[in-house]
Amino acid sequence: MSMRTPGANLPGNPLRLEYPQSLAVYDEYTAAQKAVDYLSDNKFPVEQLMIVGTELKRIERITGRLS
């Protein structure tokens, strides 16, 4: 089940996103964590993000800022 932003599929909506969408690519897991922290600090809804590794060893669903 995918979660969608209300109104994201309305014509002319500048916030329209296709899912899944890659925000960035990092060489190190810690760099990806720092990016999520930055987004969280700036009120981005990180609950909608996932960190996905290559040579897949782990998929992590973000539930909030790491405390």
N, C-alpha and C. Protein backbone atom coordinates (compact mmCIF):
# COMPACT_ATOMS: atom_id res chain seq x y z
N MET A 1 0.84 -1.17 0.00
CA MET A 1 0.00 0.00 0.00
C MET A 1 0.89 1.23 0.00
N SER A 2 0.69 2.12 -0.97
CA SER A 2 1.48 3.34 -1.00
C SER A 2 0.67 4.49 -0.43
N MET A 3 1.39 5.44 0.15
CA MET A 3 0.73 6.62 0.70
C MET A 3 0.91 7.76 -0.28
N ARG A 4 -0.13 8.51 -0.52
CA ARG A 4 -0.07 9.61 -1.46
C ARG A 4 -0.47 10.91 -0.79
N THR A 5 0.11 11.99 -1.26
CA THR A 5 -0.22 13.31 -0.75
C THR A 5 -1.60 13.69 -1.26
N PRO A 6 -2.50 14.18 -0.37
CA PRO A 6 -3.82 14.59 -0.83
C PRO A 6 -3.70 15.64 -1.92
N GLY A 7 -4.42 15.42 -3.02
CA GLY A 7 -4.43 16.36 -4.13
C GLY A 7 -3.23 16.25 -5.05
N ALA A 8 -2.34 15.27 -4.80
CA ALA A 8 -1.12 15.17 -5.60
C ALA A 8 -1.40 14.85 -7.06
N ASN A 9 -2.53 14.25 -7.37
CA ASN A 9 -2.82 13.88 -8.74
C ASN A 9 -3.71 14.90 -9.46
N LEU A 10 -3.99 16.03 -8.83
CA LEU A 10 -4.80 17.04 -9.47
C LEU A 10 -4.00 17.72 -10.58
N PRO A 11 -4.65 18.01 -11.73
CA PRO A 11 -3.93 18.67 -12.82
C PRO A 11 -3.37 20.02 -12.38
N GLY A 12 -2.15 20.31 -12.79
CA GLY A 12 -1.54 21.59 -12.49
C GLY A 12 -0.99 21.72 -11.08
N ASN A 13 -1.05 20.65 -10.30
CA ASN A 13 -0.55 20.71 -8.94
C ASN A 13 0.98 20.67 -8.97
N PRO A 14 1.67 21.74 -8.48
CA PRO A 14 3.13 21.75 -8.53
C PRO A 14 3.77 20.75 -7.58
N LEU A 15 3.00 20.19 -6.64
CA LEU A 15 3.55 19.22 -5.70
C LEU A 15 3.33 17.79 -6.13
N ARG A 16 2.91 17.58 -7.36
CA ARG A 16 2.63 16.23 -7.85
C ARG A 16 3.91 15.40 -7.87
N LEU A 17 3.84 14.26 -7.24
CA LEU A 17 4.98 13.35 -7.18
C LEU A 17 4.56 11.98 -7.70
N GLU A 18 5.46 11.33 -8.37
CA GLU A 18 5.26 9.95 -8.76
C GLU A 18 5.98 9.09 -7.72
N TYR A 19 5.40 7.98 -7.34
CA TYR A 19 5.98 7.13 -6.30
C TYR A 19 6.47 5.84 -6.91
N PRO A 20 7.54 5.26 -6.50
CA PRO A 20 8.53 5.85 -5.60
C PRO A 20 9.40 6.85 -6.34
N GLN A 21 9.98 7.77 -5.62
CA GLN A 21 10.84 8.80 -6.19
C GLN A 21 12.11 8.90 -5.36
N SER A 22 13.24 8.91 -6.04
CA SER A 22 14.52 9.03 -5.34
C SER A 22 14.81 10.50 -5.07
N LEU A 23 15.14 10.82 -3.83
CA LEU A 23 15.51 12.19 -3.48
C LEU A 23 17.00 12.42 -3.66
N ALA A 24 17.80 11.40 -3.35
CA ALA A 24 19.25 11.56 -3.42
C ALA A 24 19.92 10.19 -3.40
N VAL A 25 21.19 10.18 -3.76
CA VAL A 25 22.01 8.96 -3.71
C VAL A 25 23.26 9.30 -2.90
N TYR A 26 23.58 8.46 -1.93
CA TYR A 26 24.73 8.66 -1.06
C TYR A 26 25.61 7.43 -1.07
N ASP A 27 26.91 7.65 -0.92
CA ASP A 27 27.86 6.54 -0.87
C ASP A 27 27.91 5.90 0.51
N GLU A 28 27.55 6.64 1.53
CA GLU A 28 27.62 6.15 2.90
C GLU A 28 26.25 6.24 3.57
N TYR A 29 25.91 5.23 4.36
CA TYR A 29 24.65 5.21 5.09
C TYR A 29 24.55 6.40 6.04
N THR A 30 25.66 6.75 6.69
CA THR A 30 25.63 7.88 7.63
C THR A 30 25.29 9.19 6.92
N ALA A 31 25.71 9.34 5.67
CA ALA A 31 25.37 10.55 4.91
C ALA A 31 23.87 10.60 4.64
N ALA A 32 23.26 9.46 4.36
CA ALA A 32 21.81 9.40 4.16
C ALA A 32 21.09 9.75 5.46
N GLN A 33 21.58 9.26 6.58
CA GLN A 33 20.99 9.59 7.89
C GLN A 33 21.06 11.09 8.16
N LYS A 34 22.19 11.71 7.83
CA LYS A 34 22.34 13.15 8.04
C LYS A 34 21.36 13.93 7.17
N ALA A 35 21.14 13.45 5.95
CA ALA A 35 20.18 14.12 5.06
C ALA A 35 18.77 14.04 5.64
N VAL A 36 18.41 12.89 6.19
CA VAL A 36 17.09 12.74 6.81
C VAL A 36 16.97 13.66 8.02
N ASP A 37 18.02 13.76 8.82
CA ASP A 37 18.02 14.68 9.97
C ASP A 37 17.81 16.12 9.50
N TYR A 38 18.50 16.51 8.43
CA TYR A 38 18.36 17.86 7.90
C TYR A 38 16.92 18.12 7.45
N LEU A 39 16.36 17.18 6.71
CA LEU A 39 14.98 17.33 6.27
C LEU A 39 14.03 17.43 7.45
N SER A 40 14.24 16.59 8.46
CA SER A 40 13.41 16.61 9.66
C SER A 40 13.51 17.96 10.37
N ASP A 41 14.71 18.47 10.49
CA ASP A 41 14.92 19.78 11.13
C ASP A 41 14.17 20.89 10.41
N ASN A 42 13.97 20.71 9.11
CA ASN A 42 13.30 21.72 8.29
C ASN A 42 11.85 21.37 7.99
N LYS A 43 11.27 20.56 8.88
CA LYS A 43 9.84 20.24 8.88
C LYS A 43 9.36 19.43 7.68
N PHE A 44 10.27 18.73 6.99
CA PHE A 44 9.86 17.82 5.92
C PHE A 44 9.26 16.58 6.56
N PRO A 45 8.15 16.05 6.02
CA PRO A 45 7.52 14.87 6.63
C PRO A 45 8.34 13.60 6.35
N VAL A 46 9.36 13.37 7.17
CA VAL A 46 10.26 12.25 6.94
C VAL A 46 9.59 10.89 7.11
N GLU A 47 8.37 10.89 7.66
CA GLU A 47 7.64 9.63 7.82
C GLU A 47 7.33 9.00 6.46
N GLN A 48 7.47 9.76 5.39
CA GLN A 48 7.19 9.27 4.04
C GLN A 48 8.46 8.77 3.34
N LEU A 49 9.61 8.80 4.00
CA LEU A 49 10.88 8.44 3.38
C LEU A 49 11.31 7.02 3.71
N MET A 50 12.16 6.49 2.85
CA MET A 50 12.83 5.21 3.10
C MET A 50 14.28 5.37 2.69
N ILE A 51 15.17 4.73 3.42
CA ILE A 51 16.56 4.62 3.01
C ILE A 51 16.72 3.21 2.45
N VAL A 52 17.13 3.12 1.19
CA VAL A 52 17.26 1.82 0.53
C VAL A 52 18.71 1.67 0.09
N GLY A 53 19.34 0.58 0.50
CA GLY A 53 20.73 0.34 0.16
C GLY A 53 20.88 -0.48 -1.11
N THR A 54 22.03 -0.32 -1.79
CA THR A 54 22.36 -1.18 -2.92
C THR A 54 22.97 -2.45 -2.34
N GLU A 55 23.06 -3.47 -3.19
CA GLU A 55 23.47 -4.78 -2.68
C GLU A 55 22.68 -5.02 -1.41
N LEU A 56 21.39 -4.98 -1.58
CA LEU A 56 20.41 -4.81 -0.52
C LEU A 56 20.67 -5.69 0.69
N LYS A 57 20.90 -5.01 1.79
CA LYS A 57 21.05 -5.67 3.08
C LYS A 57 19.97 -5.20 4.03
N ARG A 58 19.38 -4.01 3.74
CA ARG A 58 18.43 -3.44 4.68
C ARG A 58 17.53 -2.45 3.94
N ILE A 59 16.26 -2.44 4.32
CA ILE A 59 15.34 -1.38 3.94
C ILE A 59 14.85 -0.79 5.24
N GLU A 60 14.93 0.52 5.35
CA GLU A 60 14.56 1.18 6.59
C GLU A 60 13.44 2.16 6.33
N ARG A 61 12.34 1.99 7.01
CA ARG A 61 11.24 2.96 6.93
C ARG A 61 11.46 3.98 8.03
N ILE A 62 11.43 5.25 7.66
CA ILE A 62 11.64 6.34 8.60
C ILE A 62 10.34 6.57 9.36
N THR A 63 10.42 6.59 10.67
CA THR A 63 9.22 6.85 11.48
C THR A 63 9.34 8.19 12.21
N GLY A 64 10.49 8.82 12.13
CA GLY A 64 10.69 10.11 12.77
C GLY A 64 12.17 10.33 12.97
N ARG A 65 12.50 11.42 13.60
CA ARG A 65 13.91 11.76 13.83
C ARG A 65 14.53 10.80 14.84
N LEU A 66 15.76 10.39 14.57
CA LEU A 66 16.51 9.55 15.48
C LEU A 66 16.87 10.38 16.70
N SER A 67 16.53 9.88 17.89
CA SER A 67 16.81 10.67 19.09
C SER A 67 17.94 10.08 19.89
